[in-house]
N, C-alpha and C. Protein backbone atom coordinates (compact mmCIF):
# COMPACT_ATOMS: atom_id res chain seq x y z
N MET A 1 -177.17 -145.64 -112.95
CA MET A 1 -176.81 -146.46 -113.65
C MET A 1 -177.10 -147.06 -114.67
N ILE A 2 -178.21 -147.23 -115.01
CA ILE A 2 -179.05 -148.20 -116.38
C ILE A 2 -179.02 -146.74 -117.56
N ARG A 3 -179.35 -145.69 -116.61
CA ARG A 3 -179.31 -144.75 -117.97
C ARG A 3 -177.60 -144.43 -118.71
N TYR A 4 -176.83 -144.56 -118.06
CA TYR A 4 -175.38 -144.56 -118.88
C TYR A 4 -175.19 -145.65 -119.50
N LEU A 5 -175.48 -146.85 -119.46
CA LEU A 5 -175.08 -148.14 -120.11
C LEU A 5 -176.17 -147.87 -121.37
N VAL A 6 -177.37 -147.18 -120.97
CA VAL A 6 -178.01 -147.27 -122.31
C VAL A 6 -177.66 -145.98 -122.99
N ILE A 7 -176.80 -145.12 -122.78
CA ILE A 7 -176.35 -143.93 -123.30
C ILE A 7 -175.08 -144.44 -124.13
N ALA A 8 -174.18 -145.18 -123.23
CA ALA A 8 -173.01 -145.22 -124.14
C ALA A 8 -173.22 -146.74 -124.98
N THR A 9 -174.23 -147.67 -124.64
CA THR A 9 -174.44 -148.26 -126.09
C THR A 9 -174.88 -147.85 -127.33
N LEU A 10 -175.96 -147.11 -126.91
CA LEU A 10 -176.47 -146.28 -128.55
C LEU A 10 -175.77 -145.42 -129.02
N ALA A 11 -174.55 -144.86 -127.62
CA ALA A 11 -173.84 -143.79 -128.85
C ALA A 11 -172.84 -144.31 -129.84
N ALA A 12 -172.28 -145.66 -128.86
CA ALA A 12 -171.28 -146.67 -129.86
C ALA A 12 -171.96 -147.17 -131.21
N LEU A 13 -173.09 -147.01 -130.95
CA LEU A 13 -174.06 -147.98 -132.28
C LEU A 13 -173.92 -146.55 -133.56
N ALA A 14 -174.36 -145.74 -133.38
CA ALA A 14 -174.53 -144.98 -133.89
C ALA A 14 -173.40 -144.68 -135.53
N PRO A 15 -172.35 -144.54 -135.21
CA PRO A 15 -171.02 -144.66 -136.33
C PRO A 15 -171.14 -146.08 -137.20
N ALA A 16 -171.68 -146.95 -136.46
CA ALA A 16 -171.47 -148.15 -137.11
C ALA A 16 -172.97 -148.22 -138.17
N LEU A 17 -174.06 -147.51 -138.22
CA LEU A 17 -175.09 -147.58 -139.17
C LEU A 17 -174.75 -147.08 -140.54
N PRO A 18 -175.20 -147.67 -141.66
CA PRO A 18 -174.83 -147.93 -143.16
C PRO A 18 -175.48 -146.47 -143.62
N ALA A 19 -174.81 -145.60 -144.64
CA ALA A 19 -175.39 -144.88 -144.90
C ALA A 19 -176.77 -145.19 -146.13
N SER A 20 -177.66 -144.41 -146.28
CA SER A 20 -178.59 -144.52 -146.84
C SER A 20 -179.58 -143.38 -147.44
N ALA A 21 -180.05 -143.26 -148.73
CA ALA A 21 -180.97 -142.26 -149.11
C ALA A 21 -181.91 -141.61 -147.80
N ASP A 22 -182.34 -142.39 -147.12
CA ASP A 22 -183.16 -142.06 -145.81
C ASP A 22 -182.77 -142.53 -144.94
N PRO A 23 -181.53 -141.97 -144.00
CA PRO A 23 -181.44 -142.90 -142.92
C PRO A 23 -182.33 -142.99 -141.47
N ILE A 24 -183.55 -142.63 -141.70
CA ILE A 24 -184.55 -142.70 -140.38
C ILE A 24 -184.74 -144.00 -139.84
N PRO A 25 -185.15 -144.64 -140.78
CA PRO A 25 -185.82 -145.81 -140.25
C PRO A 25 -184.35 -146.83 -140.04
N GLY A 26 -183.30 -147.06 -140.75
CA GLY A 26 -182.24 -147.60 -140.13
C GLY A 26 -181.79 -147.05 -138.77
N HIS A 27 -181.57 -145.73 -138.46
CA HIS A 27 -181.42 -145.43 -137.23
C HIS A 27 -182.40 -145.48 -136.01
N ALA A 28 -183.71 -145.31 -136.52
CA ALA A 28 -184.50 -145.66 -135.92
C ALA A 28 -184.75 -147.08 -134.62
N LEU A 29 -184.52 -147.84 -136.12
CA LEU A 29 -184.78 -148.98 -135.77
C LEU A 29 -183.06 -149.87 -134.89
N ALA A 30 -182.32 -149.41 -135.18
CA ALA A 30 -181.19 -149.59 -134.43
C ALA A 30 -181.14 -148.96 -133.06
N PHE A 31 -181.41 -147.87 -132.63
CA PHE A 31 -181.34 -147.57 -131.69
C PHE A 31 -182.69 -148.26 -130.65
N HIS A 32 -183.61 -148.31 -131.54
CA HIS A 32 -184.86 -148.70 -130.32
C HIS A 32 -184.62 -150.48 -130.48
N ASN A 33 -184.18 -151.31 -131.37
CA ASN A 33 -183.84 -152.54 -131.18
C ASN A 33 -182.35 -152.60 -130.26
N GLN A 34 -181.51 -151.61 -130.08
CA GLN A 34 -180.50 -151.86 -129.26
C GLN A 34 -180.82 -151.65 -127.45
N ALA A 35 -181.82 -150.47 -127.73
CA ALA A 35 -182.54 -150.47 -125.82
C ALA A 35 -183.17 -151.61 -125.91
N ARG A 36 -184.36 -152.39 -126.77
CA ARG A 36 -184.90 -153.55 -126.24
C ARG A 36 -184.00 -154.60 -126.52
N ALA A 37 -182.82 -154.76 -126.49
CA ALA A 37 -181.94 -156.21 -126.60
C ALA A 37 -181.29 -155.62 -125.27
N PHE A 38 -180.66 -154.74 -124.91
CA PHE A 38 -180.61 -154.50 -123.48
C PHE A 38 -181.27 -154.91 -122.14
N TYR A 39 -182.92 -154.47 -122.62
CA TYR A 39 -183.40 -155.03 -121.47
C TYR A 39 -184.07 -156.35 -121.72
N GLY A 40 -183.09 -157.35 -122.77
CA GLY A 40 -184.08 -158.72 -123.47
C GLY A 40 -185.28 -158.52 -123.92
N ILE A 41 -185.56 -157.81 -124.61
CA ILE A 41 -186.79 -157.80 -125.55
C ILE A 41 -186.04 -158.08 -126.88
N GLY A 42 -187.51 -158.86 -127.82
CA GLY A 42 -186.93 -159.02 -128.88
C GLY A 42 -186.69 -157.91 -129.93
N PRO A 43 -186.40 -157.58 -131.00
CA PRO A 43 -186.92 -156.67 -131.96
C PRO A 43 -187.74 -156.28 -132.30
N VAL A 44 -188.07 -154.97 -133.00
CA VAL A 44 -189.07 -154.48 -133.81
C VAL A 44 -189.02 -154.36 -135.31
N GLU A 45 -189.85 -153.79 -135.97
CA GLU A 45 -189.77 -154.12 -137.10
C GLU A 45 -190.18 -152.85 -137.94
N TRP A 46 -189.99 -152.23 -139.11
CA TRP A 46 -190.06 -150.95 -139.58
C TRP A 46 -191.72 -151.14 -140.15
N ASP A 47 -192.90 -149.94 -140.02
CA ASP A 47 -193.70 -150.13 -140.78
C ASP A 47 -194.36 -148.75 -141.79
N ALA A 48 -193.99 -149.07 -142.90
CA ALA A 48 -194.04 -147.82 -143.44
C ALA A 48 -195.50 -146.75 -143.44
N THR A 49 -196.49 -147.85 -143.13
CA THR A 49 -197.76 -146.84 -142.91
C THR A 49 -197.48 -145.94 -141.84
N LEU A 50 -197.17 -146.61 -140.75
CA LEU A 50 -196.90 -146.20 -139.19
C LEU A 50 -195.82 -144.56 -139.83
N ARG A 51 -195.17 -144.42 -140.30
CA ARG A 51 -193.67 -144.14 -140.42
C ARG A 51 -194.86 -142.66 -141.25
N GLU A 52 -195.65 -142.50 -142.29
CA GLU A 52 -196.51 -142.07 -143.11
C GLU A 52 -197.19 -141.02 -142.20
N GLU A 53 -198.15 -141.94 -140.80
CA GLU A 53 -198.77 -141.10 -139.80
C GLU A 53 -198.23 -140.58 -139.05
N ALA A 54 -196.93 -140.92 -138.89
CA ALA A 54 -196.01 -140.30 -138.05
C ALA A 54 -195.39 -138.63 -138.77
N LYS A 55 -195.08 -138.88 -139.87
CA LYS A 55 -195.00 -137.48 -140.45
C LYS A 55 -195.57 -136.95 -140.95
N TRP A 56 -197.28 -136.92 -140.75
CA TRP A 56 -198.23 -136.37 -140.85
C TRP A 56 -198.38 -135.40 -139.38
N HIS A 57 -198.10 -136.31 -138.26
CA HIS A 57 -198.38 -135.24 -136.90
C HIS A 57 -197.23 -134.58 -136.72
N ALA A 58 -195.97 -135.18 -137.11
CA ALA A 58 -194.79 -134.32 -137.09
C ALA A 58 -194.87 -133.27 -137.60
N ARG A 59 -195.41 -132.85 -138.96
CA ARG A 59 -195.06 -131.69 -139.42
C ARG A 59 -196.04 -130.45 -139.17
N THR A 60 -197.34 -130.84 -137.86
CA THR A 60 -198.16 -130.09 -137.65
C THR A 60 -197.49 -129.28 -136.60
N CYS A 61 -196.40 -129.90 -136.02
CA CYS A 61 -195.28 -129.28 -135.25
C CYS A 61 -196.18 -128.84 -133.66
N SER A 62 -197.21 -129.28 -133.43
CA SER A 62 -197.95 -129.68 -132.11
C SER A 62 -197.64 -130.40 -131.45
N PHE A 63 -196.69 -130.14 -130.39
CA PHE A 63 -196.23 -131.19 -129.35
C PHE A 63 -197.52 -131.46 -128.18
N ALA A 64 -198.86 -132.45 -128.91
CA ALA A 64 -199.54 -132.75 -128.24
C ALA A 64 -200.15 -134.36 -128.49
N PRO A 65 -200.17 -135.24 -128.45
CA PRO A 65 -200.93 -136.29 -128.74
C PRO A 65 -202.10 -136.22 -129.83
N SER A 66 -201.86 -137.47 -130.83
CA SER A 66 -202.64 -137.17 -131.65
C SER A 66 -203.66 -137.85 -131.00
N ASP A 67 -204.96 -137.62 -132.11
CA ASP A 67 -206.00 -138.36 -131.85
C ASP A 67 -206.33 -139.67 -132.62
N HIS A 68 -205.65 -140.73 -131.99
CA HIS A 68 -205.67 -141.85 -133.05
C HIS A 68 -206.70 -142.81 -133.06
N ASP A 69 -207.36 -142.63 -131.87
CA ASP A 69 -208.88 -144.18 -131.55
C ASP A 69 -208.00 -145.22 -131.37
N ASP A 70 -206.66 -145.29 -130.51
CA ASP A 70 -206.05 -146.53 -130.11
C ASP A 70 -205.80 -147.31 -131.08
N ARG A 71 -205.54 -147.10 -132.25
CA ARG A 71 -204.78 -147.64 -133.72
C ARG A 71 -203.74 -148.21 -133.42
N TYR A 72 -202.70 -147.28 -132.74
CA TYR A 72 -201.54 -147.46 -132.10
C TYR A 72 -200.87 -146.75 -130.80
N GLY A 73 -199.52 -146.67 -130.51
CA GLY A 73 -199.01 -146.50 -129.37
C GLY A 73 -198.65 -144.76 -129.70
N GLU A 74 -198.09 -144.71 -129.41
CA GLU A 74 -197.66 -143.04 -129.90
C GLU A 74 -196.33 -142.46 -128.59
N ASN A 75 -195.47 -142.40 -129.06
CA ASN A 75 -194.12 -141.28 -128.10
C ASN A 75 -193.64 -140.31 -128.86
N LEU A 76 -193.69 -139.07 -127.91
CA LEU A 76 -193.28 -137.56 -128.48
C LEU A 76 -191.61 -137.37 -127.63
N TYR A 77 -191.37 -136.67 -128.69
CA TYR A 77 -190.07 -136.01 -128.24
C TYR A 77 -189.33 -134.73 -128.57
N VAL A 78 -189.48 -133.84 -128.30
CA VAL A 78 -188.88 -132.68 -128.64
C VAL A 78 -188.08 -132.01 -127.96
N THR A 79 -186.97 -131.22 -128.92
CA THR A 79 -185.88 -130.59 -128.03
C THR A 79 -185.54 -129.48 -128.95
N THR A 80 -184.56 -128.38 -128.14
CA THR A 80 -184.50 -127.42 -129.00
C THR A 80 -183.10 -127.74 -129.39
N SER A 81 -182.10 -128.76 -129.21
CA SER A 81 -180.80 -128.94 -129.69
C SER A 81 -181.16 -129.38 -131.66
N GLN A 82 -180.17 -128.36 -132.22
CA GLN A 82 -180.19 -128.70 -133.12
C GLN A 82 -179.18 -129.59 -134.07
N ALA A 83 -179.04 -130.83 -133.35
CA ALA A 83 -177.95 -131.72 -133.73
C ALA A 83 -179.01 -132.26 -134.74
N ASP A 84 -178.02 -133.70 -135.31
CA ASP A 84 -177.96 -134.14 -136.42
C ASP A 84 -179.23 -135.23 -136.37
N ASP A 85 -180.08 -135.59 -136.96
CA ASP A 85 -180.90 -136.52 -136.83
C ASP A 85 -181.12 -137.56 -136.19
N ALA A 86 -179.77 -138.16 -136.25
CA ALA A 86 -179.49 -139.38 -135.33
C ALA A 86 -179.22 -139.08 -134.18
N THR A 87 -178.47 -137.95 -133.61
CA THR A 87 -177.93 -137.78 -132.61
C THR A 87 -179.96 -137.35 -131.70
N VAL A 88 -180.72 -136.73 -132.36
CA VAL A 88 -181.64 -136.18 -131.96
C VAL A 88 -182.47 -137.88 -131.39
N LEU A 89 -182.60 -138.89 -132.41
CA LEU A 89 -183.15 -140.26 -132.55
C LEU A 89 -182.59 -140.87 -131.51
N ARG A 90 -181.27 -140.89 -131.27
CA ARG A 90 -180.68 -141.77 -130.27
C ARG A 90 -181.32 -140.76 -128.85
N ASP A 91 -181.22 -139.57 -129.01
CA ASP A 91 -181.68 -138.77 -127.42
C ASP A 91 -182.83 -139.27 -127.00
N ALA A 92 -183.94 -139.20 -128.41
CA ALA A 92 -185.36 -139.79 -128.05
C ALA A 92 -185.43 -141.28 -127.26
N VAL A 93 -184.98 -141.93 -127.80
CA VAL A 93 -185.03 -143.72 -127.68
C VAL A 93 -184.01 -143.68 -126.06
N VAL A 94 -183.36 -142.75 -126.09
CA VAL A 94 -182.77 -143.19 -124.50
C VAL A 94 -183.50 -142.48 -123.36
N SER A 95 -184.27 -141.40 -123.75
CA SER A 95 -185.14 -140.73 -122.71
C SER A 95 -186.42 -141.83 -122.67
N TRP A 96 -187.03 -142.30 -123.85
CA TRP A 96 -188.00 -143.36 -123.22
C TRP A 96 -187.34 -143.98 -122.27
N ALA A 97 -186.58 -144.99 -123.15
CA ALA A 97 -185.93 -146.14 -122.36
C ALA A 97 -185.52 -146.26 -120.97
N ASN A 98 -185.16 -144.80 -120.52
CA ASN A 98 -184.76 -144.81 -119.34
C ASN A 98 -186.13 -144.38 -117.94
N GLU A 99 -187.33 -144.71 -118.53
CA GLU A 99 -188.22 -144.81 -117.46
C GLU A 99 -187.96 -146.19 -116.99
N ALA A 100 -187.41 -147.19 -117.69
CA ALA A 100 -187.51 -148.46 -117.09
C ALA A 100 -186.76 -148.72 -115.58
N ALA A 101 -186.41 -147.51 -115.17
CA ALA A 101 -185.96 -146.94 -113.92
C ALA A 101 -187.68 -147.07 -112.78
N LYS A 102 -188.22 -146.88 -113.16
CA LYS A 102 -189.10 -146.58 -112.66
C LYS A 102 -190.08 -147.84 -112.45
N PHE A 103 -189.70 -148.78 -112.55
CA PHE A 103 -190.37 -150.23 -112.48
C PHE A 103 -190.27 -150.80 -111.52
N ASP A 104 -191.31 -151.13 -110.80
CA ASP A 104 -191.25 -151.25 -109.71
C ASP A 104 -190.92 -152.98 -108.87
N VAL A 105 -189.96 -152.96 -108.67
CA VAL A 105 -189.46 -154.89 -108.71
C VAL A 105 -190.54 -155.49 -107.69
N ARG A 106 -190.45 -154.89 -106.61
CA ARG A 106 -190.72 -155.52 -105.10
C ARG A 106 -192.63 -155.89 -105.62
N LYS A 107 -193.35 -155.24 -106.37
CA LYS A 107 -194.83 -155.14 -106.73
C LYS A 107 -195.06 -155.85 -108.00
N HIS A 108 -193.87 -156.13 -109.17
CA HIS A 108 -193.38 -156.90 -110.06
C HIS A 108 -194.74 -155.89 -111.08
N ARG A 109 -194.71 -154.85 -110.99
CA ARG A 109 -195.54 -153.92 -112.31
C ARG A 109 -194.57 -152.41 -112.16
N TYR A 110 -195.12 -151.69 -113.17
CA TYR A 110 -194.74 -150.74 -113.57
C TYR A 110 -195.44 -149.22 -113.08
N ALA A 111 -194.71 -148.49 -112.61
CA ALA A 111 -195.38 -147.03 -111.93
C ALA A 111 -195.48 -146.19 -112.53
N GLN A 112 -195.83 -144.66 -112.25
CA GLN A 112 -196.39 -144.05 -113.48
C GLN A 112 -195.65 -143.66 -114.03
N ASP A 113 -195.89 -142.70 -115.19
CA ASP A 113 -195.34 -142.34 -116.16
C ASP A 113 -193.37 -143.31 -116.99
N VAL A 114 -194.66 -144.47 -116.90
CA VAL A 114 -193.73 -145.53 -118.08
C VAL A 114 -194.33 -145.54 -119.54
N SER A 115 -195.05 -144.82 -119.64
CA SER A 115 -195.97 -145.05 -120.60
C SER A 115 -194.64 -144.97 -122.08
N HIS A 116 -193.85 -144.08 -122.22
CA HIS A 116 -192.65 -144.21 -123.25
C HIS A 116 -192.24 -145.55 -123.37
N TYR A 117 -191.51 -146.08 -122.15
CA TYR A 117 -191.05 -147.17 -122.26
C TYR A 117 -191.77 -148.10 -122.84
N THR A 118 -192.79 -148.30 -122.08
CA THR A 118 -193.88 -149.31 -122.77
C THR A 118 -193.79 -149.21 -124.18
N GLN A 119 -193.72 -148.62 -124.81
CA GLN A 119 -194.28 -148.28 -125.95
C GLN A 119 -192.88 -148.51 -126.60
N ALA A 120 -191.54 -148.44 -126.27
CA ALA A 120 -190.92 -148.12 -127.28
C ALA A 120 -190.51 -149.75 -127.12
N VAL A 121 -190.04 -150.05 -125.55
CA VAL A 121 -189.52 -151.53 -125.48
C VAL A 121 -190.63 -152.29 -124.96
N GLY A 122 -191.30 -152.35 -124.86
CA GLY A 122 -192.77 -153.19 -124.50
C GLY A 122 -192.50 -154.53 -125.45
N ALA A 123 -193.15 -155.88 -124.96
CA ALA A 123 -192.72 -156.95 -125.20
C ALA A 123 -194.03 -157.03 -126.34
N LYS A 124 -194.81 -156.16 -126.08
CA LYS A 124 -196.25 -156.58 -127.23
C LYS A 124 -195.89 -155.41 -128.32
N THR A 125 -194.98 -154.71 -128.45
CA THR A 125 -194.63 -153.43 -129.51
C THR A 125 -193.96 -154.08 -130.42
N GLY A 126 -194.23 -154.76 -131.87
CA GLY A 126 -193.85 -155.18 -132.89
C GLY A 126 -193.35 -155.05 -134.21
N ARG A 127 -194.29 -153.41 -134.05
CA ARG A 127 -193.87 -152.67 -135.67
C ARG A 127 -193.50 -151.28 -134.98
N MET A 128 -193.34 -150.45 -135.91
CA MET A 128 -192.94 -148.98 -135.68
C MET A 128 -192.60 -148.38 -136.72
N GLY A 129 -193.04 -146.80 -136.64
CA GLY A 129 -192.77 -145.80 -137.62
C GLY A 129 -192.24 -144.77 -136.79
N ILE A 130 -191.40 -143.83 -137.29
CA ILE A 130 -191.14 -142.54 -136.84
C ILE A 130 -190.61 -141.72 -137.91
N ALA A 131 -191.11 -140.60 -137.33
CA ALA A 131 -190.67 -138.95 -138.33
C ALA A 131 -190.36 -138.02 -137.18
N ILE A 132 -189.23 -137.39 -138.13
CA ILE A 132 -188.51 -136.03 -136.86
C ILE A 132 -189.24 -135.07 -137.85
N ALA A 133 -189.37 -133.64 -137.66
CA ALA A 133 -189.86 -132.25 -138.00
C ALA A 133 -189.50 -131.28 -137.55
N ASP A 134 -188.37 -130.54 -138.44
CA ASP A 134 -188.04 -129.03 -138.12
C ASP A 134 -189.06 -128.11 -137.72
N CYS A 135 -189.26 -127.74 -136.24
CA CYS A 135 -190.38 -126.76 -136.25
C CYS A 135 -189.97 -125.63 -136.23
N PRO A 136 -190.44 -124.53 -136.44
CA PRO A 136 -189.88 -123.09 -136.58
C PRO A 136 -189.93 -122.68 -135.21
N ALA A 137 -189.29 -121.40 -134.79
CA ALA A 137 -189.29 -121.03 -133.55
C ALA A 137 -190.36 -120.53 -133.19
N GLY A 138 -191.45 -120.56 -132.10
CA GLY A 138 -193.15 -120.15 -131.77
C GLY A 138 -193.98 -121.03 -132.06
N THR A 139 -193.42 -122.44 -132.90
CA THR A 139 -194.72 -123.01 -132.60
C THR A 139 -194.67 -124.36 -131.62
N ILE A 140 -193.38 -124.48 -130.96
CA ILE A 140 -193.35 -125.35 -129.66
C ILE A 140 -193.07 -124.61 -128.40
N PHE A 141 -191.67 -124.12 -128.88
CA PHE A 141 -190.86 -123.74 -128.08
C PHE A 141 -190.26 -122.08 -128.46
N ALA A 142 -189.86 -121.45 -128.14
CA ALA A 142 -189.55 -120.09 -128.74
C ALA A 142 -188.64 -119.97 -129.41
N ALA A 143 -187.57 -121.29 -129.30
CA ALA A 143 -186.75 -121.66 -130.12
C ALA A 143 -187.23 -122.31 -131.16
N PRO A 144 -186.52 -122.43 -132.44
CA PRO A 144 -186.88 -123.59 -133.15
C PRO A 144 -186.29 -125.21 -132.55
N THR A 145 -187.42 -126.20 -132.88
CA THR A 145 -186.90 -127.20 -132.28
C THR A 145 -186.97 -128.60 -133.66
N LYS A 146 -186.94 -129.69 -132.85
CA LYS A 146 -186.89 -130.94 -133.83
C LYS A 146 -187.62 -131.70 -132.88
N PHE A 147 -189.01 -131.85 -133.48
CA PHE A 147 -190.15 -132.59 -133.21
C PHE A 147 -189.60 -134.21 -133.77
N VAL A 148 -189.86 -135.39 -132.80
CA VAL A 148 -189.86 -137.00 -132.96
C VAL A 148 -191.23 -137.34 -132.79
N VAL A 149 -191.85 -138.05 -133.44
CA VAL A 149 -193.21 -138.86 -133.41
C VAL A 149 -193.11 -140.15 -133.61
N ALA A 150 -193.49 -140.82 -132.98
CA ALA A 150 -192.84 -142.22 -133.11
C ALA A 150 -194.79 -143.00 -132.74
N ARG A 151 -194.98 -144.06 -134.06
CA ARG A 151 -196.03 -144.82 -133.55
C ARG A 151 -195.59 -146.23 -133.58
N TYR A 152 -196.36 -147.26 -132.85
CA TYR A 152 -195.93 -148.16 -132.33
C TYR A 152 -197.37 -148.98 -132.48
N GLN A 153 -197.28 -150.24 -133.12
CA GLN A 153 -198.59 -151.43 -133.30
C GLN A 153 -197.81 -152.86 -132.26
N GLY A 154 -199.21 -153.84 -132.65
CA GLY A 154 -198.52 -155.37 -132.06
C GLY A 154 -197.70 -155.81 -132.97
N ALA A 155 -197.50 -156.97 -133.01
CA ALA A 155 -196.75 -157.82 -134.13
C ALA A 155 -197.54 -157.86 -135.47
N VAL A 156 -197.09 -158.28 -136.51
CA VAL A 156 -198.03 -158.65 -137.41
C VAL A 156 -198.75 -160.14 -137.37
N LYS A 157 -200.04 -160.16 -137.33
CA LYS A 157 -200.19 -161.28 -137.17
C LYS A 157 -200.01 -162.22 -138.92
N ALA A 158 -200.02 -163.54 -138.67
CA ALA A 158 -199.54 -164.43 -140.15
C ALA A 158 -200.34 -164.90 -140.59
N ALA A 159 -200.79 -165.20 -141.63
CA ALA A 159 -201.65 -165.56 -142.34
C ALA A 159 -202.13 -166.69 -142.04
N SER A 160 -203.44 -167.16 -141.95
CA SER A 160 -203.55 -168.79 -141.47
C SER A 160 -203.91 -169.55 -142.78
């Protein structure tokens, strides 16, 4: 049930996003913040540095976690769908947010395999950057793919 509510909410949001020279930041923030709001978590902010680092990894077309020395959190998503980038971003965020169903309410803790959810929707995440690369056939799967790399960090600390 939760999955369908998240999908419906994010799908309804897509047409309302403004057009810009680079639509990825607006789409990525809107989809993340809509999912976060659904779960009662405040919004994340865009981080251009995280975006540039995500671009670098996405362009490798290597569907494996990067070696980032715990400087940030990372989510990966790959699809053979050749849909537009907004649709691919929406599908990635829905996939990551759907891990919320694995929350163990009785023990008030997360079960295994919720790391994507905790990065994208977790309360400690304050900034994000995301990139999509079109990868040729044979690099990740036999068919051409779209590879999404998201990077997350905590909130920016205010200057003293």
